[in-house]
PDB file of N, CA and C in Angstrom:
ATOM      1  N   MET A   1     -57.666 -36.492 -29.322  1.00  0.00           N
ATOM      2  CA  MET A   1     -58.188 -36.707 -30.649  1.00  0.00           C
ATOM      3  C   MET A   1     -58.761 -35.370 -31.136  1.00  0.00           C
ATOM      4  N   VAL A   2     -58.484 -35.032 -32.377  1.00  0.00           N
ATOM      5  CA  VAL A   2     -58.979 -33.795 -32.974  1.00  0.00           C
ATOM      6  C   VAL A   2     -59.996 -34.144 -34.056  1.00  0.00           C
ATOM      7  N   VAL A   3     -61.139 -33.469 -34.014  1.00  0.00           N
ATOM      8  CA  VAL A   3     -62.209 -33.717 -34.972  1.00  0.00           C
ATOM      9  C   VAL A   3     -62.390 -32.487 -35.859  1.00  0.00           C
ATOM     10  N   GLU A   4     -62.221 -32.676 -37.168  1.00  0.00           N
ATOM     11  CA  GLU A   4     -62.436 -31.620 -38.161  1.00  0.00           C
ATOM     12  C   GLU A   4     -61.637 -30.343 -37.874  1.00  0.00           C
ATOM     13  N   ASP A   5     -60.501 -30.459 -37.204  1.00  0.00           N
ATOM     14  CA  ASP A   5     -59.678 -29.305 -36.820  1.00  0.00           C
ATOM     15  C   ASP A   5     -60.473 -28.254 -36.055  1.00  0.00           C
ATOM     16  N   GLN A   6     -61.558 -28.668 -35.384  1.00  0.00           N
ATOM     17  CA  GLN A   6     -62.426 -27.740 -34.665  1.00  0.00           C
ATOM     18  C   GLN A   6     -62.629 -28.107 -33.197  1.00  0.00           C
ATOM     19  N   VAL A   7     -62.621 -29.398 -32.883  1.00  0.00           N
ATOM     20  CA  VAL A   7     -62.946 -29.865 -31.532  1.00  0.00           C
ATOM     21  C   VAL A   7     -61.870 -30.839 -31.066  1.00  0.00           C
ATOM     22  N   LEU A   8     -61.432 -30.654 -29.838  1.00  0.00           N
ATOM     23  CA  LEU A   8     -60.464 -31.555 -29.240  1.00  0.00           C
ATOM     24  C   LEU A   8     -61.221 -32.496 -28.297  1.00  0.00           C
ATOM     25  N   LEU A   9     -61.069 -33.799 -28.479  1.00  0.00           N
ATOM     26  CA  LEU A   9     -61.753 -34.797 -27.654  1.00  0.00           C
ATOM     27  C   LEU A   9     -60.767 -35.473 -26.719  1.00  0.00           C
ATOM     28  N   GLU A  10     -61.164 -35.613 -25.456  1.00  0.00           N
ATOM     29  CA  GLU A  10     -60.423 -36.393 -24.473  1.00  0.00           C
ATOM     30  C   GLU A  10     -61.341 -37.519 -24.048  1.00  0.00           C
ATOM     31  N   LEU A  11     -60.945 -38.753 -24.296  1.00  0.00           N
ATOM     32  CA  LEU A  11     -61.750 -39.914 -23.927  1.00  0.00           C
ATOM     33  C   LEU A  11     -61.192 -40.512 -22.644  1.00  0.00           C
ATOM     34  N   LYS A  12     -62.070 -40.712 -21.659  1.00  0.00           N
ATOM     35  CA  LYS A  12     -61.666 -41.240 -20.361  1.00  0.00           C
ATOM     36  C   LYS A  12     -62.552 -42.421 -19.996  1.00  0.00           C
ATOM     37  N   ALA A  13     -62.080 -43.253 -19.071  1.00  0.00           N
ATOM     38  CA  ALA A  13     -62.861 -44.372 -18.547  1.00  0.00           C
ATOM     39  C   ALA A  13     -62.621 -44.474 -17.044  1.00  0.00           C
ATOM     40  N   GLY A  14     -62.868 -43.387 -16.334  1.00  0.00           N
ATOM     41  CA  GLY A  14     -62.651 -43.361 -14.893  1.00  0.00           C
ATOM     42  C   GLY A  14     -63.962 -43.310 -14.138  1.00  0.00           C
ATOM     43  N   ARG A  15     -63.865 -43.212 -12.816  1.00  0.00           N
ATOM     44  CA  ARG A  15     -65.070 -43.144 -11.994  1.00  0.00           C
ATOM     45  C   ARG A  15     -65.843 -41.858 -12.258  1.00  0.00           C
ATOM     46  N   ALA A  16     -65.132 -40.765 -12.514  1.00  0.00           N
ATOM     47  CA  ALA A  16     -65.761 -39.470 -12.777  1.00  0.00           C
ATOM     48  C   ALA A  16     -64.735 -38.588 -13.474  1.00  0.00           C
ATOM     49  N   ILE A  17     -65.191 -37.478 -14.006  1.00  0.00           N
ATOM     50  CA  ILE A  17     -64.282 -36.495 -14.590  1.00  0.00           C
ATOM     51  C   ILE A  17     -63.658 -35.720 -13.436  1.00  0.00           C
ATOM     52  N   GLU A  18     -62.337 -35.670 -13.409  1.00  0.00           N
ATOM     53  CA  GLU A  18     -61.614 -35.007 -12.327  1.00  0.00           C
ATOM     54  C   GLU A  18     -61.059 -33.666 -12.804  1.00  0.00           C
ATOM     55  N   ARG A  19     -60.669 -32.840 -11.856  1.00  0.00           N
ATOM     56  CA  ARG A  19     -60.082 -31.534 -12.178  1.00  0.00           C
ATOM     57  C   ARG A  19     -58.815 -31.694 -13.022  1.00  0.00           C
ATOM     58  N   SER A  20     -58.064 -32.759 -12.789  1.00  0.00           N
ATOM     59  CA  SER A  20     -56.838 -32.963 -13.570  1.00  0.00           C
ATOM     60  C   SER A  20     -57.162 -33.217 -15.040  1.00  0.00           C
ATOM     61  N   HIS A  21     -58.296 -33.856 -15.322  1.00  0.00           N
ATOM     62  CA  HIS A  21     -58.708 -34.060 -16.712  1.00  0.00           C
ATOM     63  C   HIS A  21     -59.044 -32.725 -17.366  1.00  0.00           C
ATOM     64  N   GLU A  22     -59.738 -31.853 -16.617  1.00  0.00           N
ATOM     65  CA  GLU A  22     -60.058 -30.523 -17.138  1.00  0.00           C
ATOM     66  C   GLU A  22     -58.782 -29.712 -17.367  1.00  0.00           C
ATOM     67  N   ALA A  23     -57.849 -29.785 -16.414  1.00  0.00           N
ATOM     68  CA  ALA A  23     -56.594 -29.048 -16.546  1.00  0.00           C
ATOM     69  C   ALA A  23     -55.810 -29.513 -17.771  1.00  0.00           C
ATOM     70  N   GLN A  24     -55.805 -30.811 -18.016  1.00  0.00           N
ATOM     71  CA  GLN A  24     -55.109 -31.353 -19.179  1.00  0.00           C
ATOM     72  C   GLN A  24     -55.730 -30.817 -20.470  1.00  0.00           C
ATOM     73  N   LEU A  25     -57.052 -30.837 -20.544  1.00  0.00           N
ATOM     74  CA  LEU A  25     -57.735 -30.336 -21.743  1.00  0.00           C
ATOM     75  C   LEU A  25     -57.496 -28.838 -21.920  1.00  0.00           C
ATOM     76  N   LEU A  26     -57.530 -28.076 -20.827  1.00  0.00           N
ATOM     77  CA  LEU A  26     -57.270 -26.634 -20.924  1.00  0.00           C
ATOM     78  C   LEU A  26     -55.857 -26.356 -21.434  1.00  0.00           C
ATOM     79  N   ASN A  27     -54.890 -27.127 -21.001  1.00  0.00           N
ATOM     80  CA  ASN A  27     -53.520 -26.957 -21.503  1.00  0.00           C
ATOM     81  C   ASN A  27     -53.456 -27.217 -23.002  1.00  0.00           C
ATOM     82  N   TYR A  28     -54.148 -28.262 -23.462  1.00  0.00           N
ATOM     83  CA  TYR A  28     -54.187 -28.542 -24.902  1.00  0.00           C
ATOM     84  C   TYR A  28     -54.837 -27.389 -25.664  1.00  0.00           C
ATOM     85  N   LEU A  29     -55.915 -26.837 -25.116  1.00  0.00           N
ATOM     86  CA  LEU A  29     -56.604 -25.729 -25.790  1.00  0.00           C
ATOM     87  C   LEU A  29     -55.730 -24.478 -25.806  1.00  0.00           C
ATOM     88  N   ARG A  30     -55.018 -24.225 -24.722  1.00  0.00           N
ATOM     89  CA  ARG A  30     -54.165 -23.034 -24.650  1.00  0.00           C
ATOM     90  C   ARG A  30     -53.031 -23.062 -25.669  1.00  0.00           C
ATOM     91  N   CYS A  31     -52.503 -24.242 -25.949  1.00  0.00           N
ATOM     92  CA  CYS A  31     -51.346 -24.306 -26.850  1.00  0.00           C
ATOM     93  C   CYS A  31     -51.742 -24.634 -28.290  1.00  0.00           C
ATOM     94  N   SER A  32     -53.019 -24.647 -28.582  1.00  0.00           N
ATOM     95  CA  SER A  32     -53.461 -24.917 -29.956  1.00  0.00           C
ATOM     96  C   SER A  32     -54.347 -23.784 -30.443  1.00  0.00           C
ATOM     97  N   GLU A  33     -54.771 -23.889 -31.670  1.00  0.00           N
ATOM     98  CA  GLU A  33     -55.715 -22.917 -32.209  1.00  0.00           C
ATOM     99  C   GLU A  33     -57.157 -23.383 -32.058  1.00  0.00           C
ATOM    100  N   ILE A  34     -57.361 -24.533 -31.470  1.00  0.00           N
ATOM    101  CA  ILE A  34     -58.701 -25.084 -31.266  1.00  0.00           C
ATOM    102  C   ILE A  34     -59.323 -24.406 -30.052  1.00  0.00           C
ATOM    103  N   GLU A  35     -60.603 -24.042 -30.151  1.00  0.00           N
ATOM    104  CA  GLU A  35     -61.267 -23.306 -29.084  1.00  0.00           C
ATOM    105  C   GLU A  35     -62.208 -24.156 -28.238  1.00  0.00           C
ATOM    106  N   VAL A  36     -62.630 -25.320 -28.730  1.00  0.00           N
ATOM    107  CA  VAL A  36     -63.621 -26.133 -28.015  1.00  0.00           C
ATOM    108  C   VAL A  36     -63.044 -27.516 -27.737  1.00  0.00           C
ATOM    109  N   GLY A  37     -63.255 -27.982 -26.500  1.00  0.00           N
ATOM    110  CA  GLY A  37     -62.811 -29.306 -26.125  1.00  0.00           C
ATOM    111  C   GLY A  37     -63.906 -30.057 -25.387  1.00  0.00           C
ATOM    112  N   LEU A  38     -63.957 -31.359 -25.593  1.00  0.00           N
ATOM    113  CA  LEU A  38     -64.927 -32.218 -24.907  1.00  0.00           C
ATOM    114  C   LEU A  38     -64.183 -33.309 -24.152  1.00  0.00           C
ATOM    115  N   ILE A  39     -64.603 -33.540 -22.920  1.00  0.00           N
ATOM    116  CA  ILE A  39     -64.126 -34.685 -22.154  1.00  0.00           C
ATOM    117  C   ILE A  39     -65.292 -35.663 -22.094  1.00  0.00           C
ATOM    118  N   LEU A  40     -65.093 -36.855 -22.606  1.00  0.00           N
ATOM    119  CA  LEU A  40     -66.124 -37.891 -22.574  1.00  0.00           C
ATOM    120  C   LEU A  40     -65.654 -38.990 -21.636  1.00  0.00           C
ATOM    121  N   ASN A  41     -66.412 -39.233 -20.576  1.00  0.00           N
ATOM    122  CA  ASN A  41     -66.061 -40.258 -19.610  1.00  0.00           C
ATOM    123  C   ASN A  41     -67.016 -41.432 -19.773  1.00  0.00           C
ATOM    124  N   PHE A  42     -66.468 -42.618 -20.022  1.00  0.00           N
ATOM    125  CA  PHE A  42     -67.254 -43.828 -20.227  1.00  0.00           C
ATOM    126  C   PHE A  42     -67.151 -44.746 -19.010  1.00  0.00           C
ATOM    127  N   GLY A  43     -67.062 -44.164 -17.822  1.00  0.00           N
ATOM    128  CA  GLY A  43     -66.949 -44.933 -16.591  1.00  0.00           C
ATOM    129  C   GLY A  43     -68.308 -45.469 -16.142  1.00  0.00           C
ATOM    130  N   PRO A  44     -68.438 -45.805 -14.845  1.00  0.00           N
ATOM    131  CA  PRO A  44     -69.681 -46.370 -14.323  1.00  0.00           C
ATOM    132  C   PRO A  44     -70.886 -45.448 -14.532  1.00  0.00           C
ATOM    133  N   HIS A  45     -70.656 -44.143 -14.477  1.00  0.00           N
ATOM    134  CA  HIS A  45     -71.714 -43.164 -14.724  1.00  0.00           C
ATOM    135  C   HIS A  45     -71.240 -42.253 -15.858  1.00  0.00           C
ATOM    136  N   PRO A  46     -71.596 -42.556 -17.104  1.00  0.00           N
ATOM    137  CA  PRO A  46     -71.116 -41.761 -18.235  1.00  0.00           C
ATOM    138  C   PRO A  46     -71.456 -40.275 -18.065  1.00  0.00           C
ATOM    139  N   GLN A  47     -70.505 -39.437 -18.413  1.00  0.00           N
ATOM    140  CA  GLN A  47     -70.711 -37.995 -18.330  1.00  0.00           C
ATOM    141  C   GLN A  47     -69.803 -37.313 -19.347  1.00  0.00           C
ATOM    142  N   PHE A  48     -70.117 -36.049 -19.607  1.00  0.00           N
ATOM    143  CA  PHE A  48     -69.256 -35.287 -20.496  1.00  0.00           C
ATOM    144  C   PHE A  48     -69.114 -33.876 -19.959  1.00  0.00           C
ATOM    145  N   ARG A  49     -68.069 -33.206 -20.407  1.00  0.00           N
ATOM    146  CA  ARG A  49     -67.845 -31.826 -20.054  1.00  0.00           C
ATOM    147  C   ARG A  49     -67.335 -31.111 -21.292  1.00  0.00           C
ATOM    148  N   ARG A  50     -67.876 -29.940 -21.547  1.00  0.00           N
ATOM    149  CA  ARG A  50     -67.466 -29.114 -22.694  1.00  0.00           C
ATOM    150  C   ARG A  50     -66.739 -27.896 -22.167  1.00  0.00           C
ATOM    151  N   LEU A  51     -65.553 -27.643 -22.688  1.00  0.00           N
ATOM    152  CA  LEU A  51     -64.775 -26.472 -22.314  1.00  0.00           C
ATOM    153  C   LEU A  51     -64.489 -25.669 -23.574  1.00  0.00           C
ATOM    154  N   ALA A  52     -64.675 -24.360 -23.480  1.00  0.00           N
ATOM    155  CA  ALA A  52     -64.365 -23.470 -24.598  1.00  0.00           C
ATOM    156  C   ALA A  52     -63.398 -22.414 -24.089  1.00  0.00           C
ATOM    157  N   LEU A  53     -62.324 -22.209 -24.810  1.00  0.00           N
ATOM    158  CA  LEU A  53     -61.292 -21.267 -24.396  1.00  0.00           C
ATOM    159  C   LEU A  53     -61.000 -20.316 -25.539  1.00  0.00           C
ATOM    160  N   ASP A  54     -60.982 -19.042 -25.205  1.00  0.00           N
ATOM    161  CA  ASP A  54     -60.669 -18.014 -26.191  1.00  0.00           C
ATOM    162  C   ASP A  54     -59.450 -17.259 -25.667  1.00  0.00           C
ATOM    163  N   ASN A  55     -58.366 -17.257 -26.430  1.00  0.00           N
ATOM    164  CA  ASN A  55     -57.189 -16.495 -26.019  1.00  0.00           C
ATOM    165  C   ASN A  55     -56.473 -15.934 -27.241  1.00  0.00           C
ATOM    166  N   ARG A  56     -55.361 -15.275 -27.025  1.00  0.00           N
ATOM    167  CA  ARG A  56     -54.717 -14.550 -28.129  1.00  0.00           C
ATOM    168  C   ARG A  56     -54.114 -15.444 -29.202  1.00  0.00           C
ATOM    169  N   ARG A  57     -53.938 -16.722 -28.971  1.00  0.00           N
ATOM    170  CA  ARG A  57     -53.460 -17.622 -30.019  1.00  0.00           C
ATOM    171  C   ARG A  57     -54.535 -17.824 -31.092  1.00  0.00           C
ATOM    172  N   LYS A  58     -55.778 -17.604 -30.718  1.00  0.00           N
ATOM    173  CA  LYS A  58     -56.896 -17.881 -31.621  1.00  0.00           C
ATOM    174  C   LYS A  58     -57.093 -16.798 -32.670  1.00  0.00           C
ATOM    175  N   LYS A  59     -56.973 -15.551 -32.243  1.00  0.00           N
ATOM    176  CA  LYS A  59     -57.195 -14.438 -33.167  1.00  0.00           C
ATOM    177  C   LYS A  59     -56.430 -13.214 -32.679  1.00  0.00           C
ATOM    178  N   PRO A  60     -56.107 -12.299 -33.569  1.00  0.00           N
ATOM    179  CA  PRO A  60     -55.368 -11.110 -33.148  1.00  0.00           C
ATOM    180  C   PRO A  60     -56.219 -10.233 -32.233  1.00  0.00           C
ATOM    181  N   LEU A  61     -55.580  -9.679 -31.199  1.00  0.00           N
ATOM    182  CA  LEU A  61     -56.250  -8.776 -30.274  1.00  0.00           C
ATOM    183  C   LEU A  61     -55.670  -7.383 -30.416  1.00  0.00           C
ATOM    184  N   ALA A  62     -56.369  -6.424 -29.866  1.00  0.00           N
ATOM    185  CA  ALA A  62     -55.841  -5.063 -29.831  1.00  0.00           C
ATOM    186  C   ALA A  62     -54.562  -5.064 -29.004  1.00  0.00           C
ATOM    187  N   ALA A  63     -53.642  -4.187 -29.319  1.00  0.00           N
ATOM    188  CA  ALA A  63     -52.348  -4.152 -28.642  1.00  0.00           C
ATOM    189  C   ALA A  63     -52.485  -3.799 -27.169  1.00  0.00           C
ATOM    190  N   SER A  64     -53.662  -3.357 -26.745  1.00  0.00           N
ATOM    191  CA  SER A  64     -53.815  -2.890 -25.371  1.00  0.00           C
ATOM    192  C   SER A  64     -53.897  -4.003 -24.338  1.00  0.00           C
ATOM    193  N   GLY A  65     -54.221  -5.237 -24.721  1.00  0.00           N
ATOM    194  CA  GLY A  65     -54.365  -6.223 -23.654  1.00  0.00           C
ATOM    195  C   GLY A  65     -54.468  -7.651 -24.119  1.00  0.00           C
ATOM    196  N   PHE A  66     -54.583  -8.499 -23.157  1.00  0.00           N
ATOM    197  CA  PHE A  66     -54.669  -9.935 -23.363  1.00  0.00           C
ATOM    198  C   PHE A  66     -55.979 -10.418 -22.753  1.00  0.00           C
ATOM    199  N   SER A  67     -56.673 -11.267 -23.452  1.00  0.00           N
ATOM    200  CA  SER A  67     -57.942 -11.772 -22.947  1.00  0.00           C
ATOM    201  C   SER A  67     -57.949 -13.288 -23.007  1.00  0.00           C
ATOM    202  N   GLU A  68     -58.356 -13.895 -21.919  1.00  0.00           N
ATOM    203  CA  GLU A  68     -58.508 -15.343 -21.907  1.00  0.00           C
ATOM    204  C   GLU A  68     -59.765 -15.650 -21.109  1.00  0.00           C
ATOM    205  N   THR A  69     -60.734 -16.301 -21.736  1.00  0.00           N
ATOM    206  CA  THR A  69     -61.969 -16.637 -21.049  1.00  0.00           C
ATOM    207  C   THR A  69     -62.236 -18.118 -21.179  1.00  0.00           C
ATOM    208  N   LEU A  70     -62.925 -18.666 -20.206  1.00  0.00           N
ATOM    209  CA  LEU A  70     -63.256 -20.077 -20.172  1.00  0.00           C
ATOM    210  C   LEU A  70     -64.755 -20.225 -20.019  1.00  0.00           C
ATOM    211  N   THR A  71     -65.351 -21.053 -20.857  1.00  0.00           N
ATOM    212  CA  THR A  71     -66.759 -21.387 -20.740  1.00  0.00           C
ATOM    213  C   THR A  71     -66.842 -22.879 -20.512  1.00  0.00           C
ATOM    214  N   GLU A  72     -67.656 -23.279 -19.536  1.00  0.00           N
ATOM    215  CA  GLU A  72     -67.732 -24.697 -19.197  1.00  0.00           C
ATOM    216  C   GLU A  72     -69.189 -25.121 -19.118  1.00  0.00           C
ATOM    217  N   SER A  73     -69.481 -26.300 -19.640  1.00  0.00           N
ATOM    218  CA  SER A  73     -70.790 -26.916 -19.446  1.00  0.00           C
ATOM    219  C   SER A  73     -70.579 -28.403 -19.264  1.00  0.00           C
ATOM    220  N   SER A  74     -71.468 -29.022 -18.515  1.00  0.00           N
ATOM    221  CA  SER A  74     -71.322 -30.449 -18.279  1.00  0.00           C
ATOM    222  C   SER A  74     -72.676 -31.093 -18.107  1.00  0.00           C
ATOM    223  N   SER A  75     -72.680 -32.409 -18.195  1.00  0.00           N
ATOM    224  CA  SER A  75     -73.917 -33.149 -18.025  1.00  0.00           C
ATOM    225  C   SER A  75     -73.587 -34.569 -17.613  1.00  0.00           C
ATOM    226  N   ASP A  76     -74.444 -35.096 -16.777  1.00  0.00           N
ATOM    227  CA  ASP A  76     -74.383 -36.514 -16.461  1.00  0.00           C
ATOM    228  C   ASP A  76     -75.399 -37.210 -17.332  1.00  0.00           C
ATOM    229  N   VAL A  77     -75.007 -38.261 -17.979  1.00  0.00           N
ATOM    230  CA  VAL A  77     -75.912 -39.036 -18.806  1.00  0.00           C
ATOM    231  C   VAL A  77     -76.709 -39.937 -17.872  1.00  0.00           C
ATOM    232  N   PRO A  78     -78.056 -39.928 -17.947  1.00  0.00           N
ATOM    233  CA  PRO A  78     -78.824 -40.765 -17.035  1.00  0.00           C
ATOM    234  C   PRO A  78     -78.552 -42.244 -17.282  1.00  0.00           C
ATOM    235  N   ASP A  79     -78.525 -43.005 -16.192  1.00  0.00           N
ATOM    236  CA  ASP A  79     -78.323 -44.437 -16.372  1.00  0.00           C
ATOM    237  C   ASP A  79     -79.634 -45.088 -16.796  1.00  0.00           C
ATOM    238  N   SER A  80     -79.576 -46.350 -17.146  1.00  0.00           N
ATOM    239  CA  SER A  80     -80.733 -47.037 -17.705  1.00  0.00           C
ATOM    240  C   SER A  80     -81.891 -47.123 -16.723  1.00  0.00           C
ATOM    241  N   SER A  81     -81.636 -47.160 -15.423  1.00  0.00           N
ATOM    242  CA  SER A  81     -82.732 -47.246 -14.459  1.00  0.00           C
ATOM    243  C   SER A  81     -83.528 -45.955 -14.416  1.00  0.00           C
ATOM    244  N   GLU A  82     -82.867 -44.794 -14.593  1.00  0.00           N
ATOM    245  CA  GLU A  82     -83.580 -43.521 -14.603  1.00  0.00           C
ATOM    246  C   GLU A  82     -84.454 -43.391 -15.834  1.00  0.00           C
ATOM    247  N   THR A  83     -83.959 -43.797 -16.988  1.00  0.00           N
ATOM    248  CA  THR A  83     -84.752 -43.678 -18.202  1.00  0.00           C
ATOM    249  C   THR A  83     -85.848 -44.721 -18.255  1.00  0.00           C
ATOM    250  N   ALA A  84     -85.644 -45.863 -17.611  1.00  0.00           N
ATOM    251  CA  ALA A  84     -86.672 -46.902 -17.603  1.00  0.00           C
ATOM    252  C   ALA A  84     -87.903 -46.425 -16.857  1.00  0.00           C
ATOM    253  N   ASP A  85     -87.732 -45.613 -15.810  1.00  0.00           N
ATOM    254  CA  ASP A  85     -88.873 -45.091 -15.064  1.00  0.00           C
ATOM    255  C   ASP A  85     -89.677 -44.100 -15.899  1.00  0.00           C
ATOM    256  N   LYS A  86     -89.009 -43.327 -16.724  1.00  0.00           N
ATOM    257  CA  LYS A  86     -89.679 -42.318 -17.541  1.00  0.00           C
ATOM    258  C   LYS A  86     -90.371 -42.924 -18.751  1.00  0.00           C
ATOM    259  N   PHE A  87     -89.817 -44.008 -19.280  1.00  0.00           N
ATOM    260  CA  PHE A  87     -90.360 -44.624 -20.480  1.00  0.00           C
ATOM    261  C   PHE A  87     -90.649 -46.097 -20.205  1.00  0.00           C
ATOM    262  N   PRO A  88     -91.874 -46.408 -19.742  1.00  0.00           N
ATOM    263  CA  PRO A  88     -92.175 -47.808 -19.440  1.00  0.00           C
ATOM    264  C   PRO A  88     -92.134 -48.667 -20.692  1.00  0.00           C
ATOM    265  N   LYS A  89     -91.709 -49.919 -20.509  1.00  0.00           N
ATOM    266  CA  LYS A  89     -91.622 -50.841 -21.636  1.00  0.00           C
ATOM    267  C   LYS A  89     -93.013 -51.314 -22.034  1.00  0.00           C
ATOM    268  N   LYS A  90     -93.195 -51.522 -23.334  1.00  0.00           N
ATOM    269  CA  LYS A  90     -94.443 -52.041 -23.856  1.00  0.00           C
ATOM    270  C   LYS A  90     -94.243 -53.493 -24.234  1.00  0.00           C
ATOM    271  N   SER A  91     -95.303 -54.236 -24.171  1.00  0.00           N
ATOM    272  CA  SER A  91     -95.205 -55.631 -24.586  1.00  0.00           C
ATOM    273  C   SER A  91     -95.120 -55.694 -26.090  1.00  0.00           C
ATOM    274  N   ALA A  92     -94.658 -56.829 -26.611  1.00  0.00           N
ATOM    275  CA  ALA A  92     -94.516 -57.000 -28.054  1.00  0.00           C
ATOM    276  C   ALA A  92     -95.887 -56.919 -28.732  1.00  0.00           C
ATOM    277  N   ALA A  93     -96.925 -57.445 -28.087  1.00  0.00           N
ATOM    278  CA  ALA A  93     -98.268 -57.409 -28.676  1.00  0.00           C
ATOM    279  C   ALA A  93     -98.785 -55.981 -28.802  1.00  0.00           C
ATOM    280  N   SER A  94     -98.607 -55.170 -27.748  1.00  0.00           N
ATOM    281  CA  SER A  94     -99.108 -53.800 -27.829  1.00  0.00           C
ATOM    282  C   SER A  94     -98.288 -52.991 -28.830  1.00  0.00           C
ATOM    283  N   ALA A  95     -96.996 -53.282 -28.971  1.00  0.00           N
ATOM    284  CA  ALA A  95     -96.165 -52.573 -29.947  1.00  0.00           C
ATOM    285  C   ALA A  95     -96.606 -52.930 -31.359  1.00  0.00           C
ATOM    286  N   LYS A  96     -96.948 -54.218 -31.605  1.00  0.00           N
ATOM    287  CA  LYS A  96     -97.399 -54.623 -32.926  1.00  0.00           C
ATOM    288  C   LYS A  96     -98.749 -53.998 -33.274  1.00  0.00           C
ATOM    289  N   SER A  97     -99.651 -53.950 -32.296  1.00  0.00           N
ATOM    290  CA  SER A  97    -100.956 -53.361 -32.571  1.00  0.00           C
ATOM    291  C   SER A  97    -100.844 -51.860 -32.816  1.00  0.00           C
ATOM    292  N   ALA A  98     -99.936 -51.188 -32.118  1.00  0.00           N
ATOM    293  CA  ALA A  98     -99.730 -49.756 -32.322  1.00  0.00           C
ATOM    294  C   ALA A  98     -99.140 -49.493 -33.698  1.00  0.00           C
ATOM    295  N   ALA A  99     -98.342 -50.446 -34.205  1.00  0.00           N
ATOM    296  CA  ALA A  99     -97.707 -50.276 -35.512  1.00  0.00           C
ATOM    297  C   ALA A  99     -98.620 -50.712 -36.640  1.00  0.00           C
ATOM    298  N   GLY A 100     -99.775 -51.307 -36.314  1.00  0.00           N
ATOM    299  CA  GLY A 100    -100.722 -51.704 -37.352  1.00  0.00           C
ATOM    300  C   GLY A 100    -100.521 -53.105 -37.878  1.00  0.00           C
ATOM    301  N   PHE A 101     -99.838 -53.980 -37.153  1.00  0.00           N
ATOM    302  CA  PHE A 101     -99.627 -55.350 -37.610  1.00  0.00           C
ATOM    303  C   PHE A 101    -100.694 -56.275 -37.099  1.00  0.00           C
TER     304      PHE A 101
END
């Protein structure tokens, strides 16, 4: 999926993001003019990975050489049990009193 002709999205629903998913996205980036790609995995442990690729298809380079660089970042989205520990639930009464009702 392409968003605003700027970002290529790969949507997955597997156990985890695998190297083959990254390789697939890199191939798409190499053969297009898009420089940024996201892999979104909606499996048991949601996660995402951002890949940015800069190569000669994107912009003209000096005649002296070819440059291709890869930038990668990733994150695991915390599951509900991790966030529940950080943010304890409030009772409905305390929430109403805090809101001024």
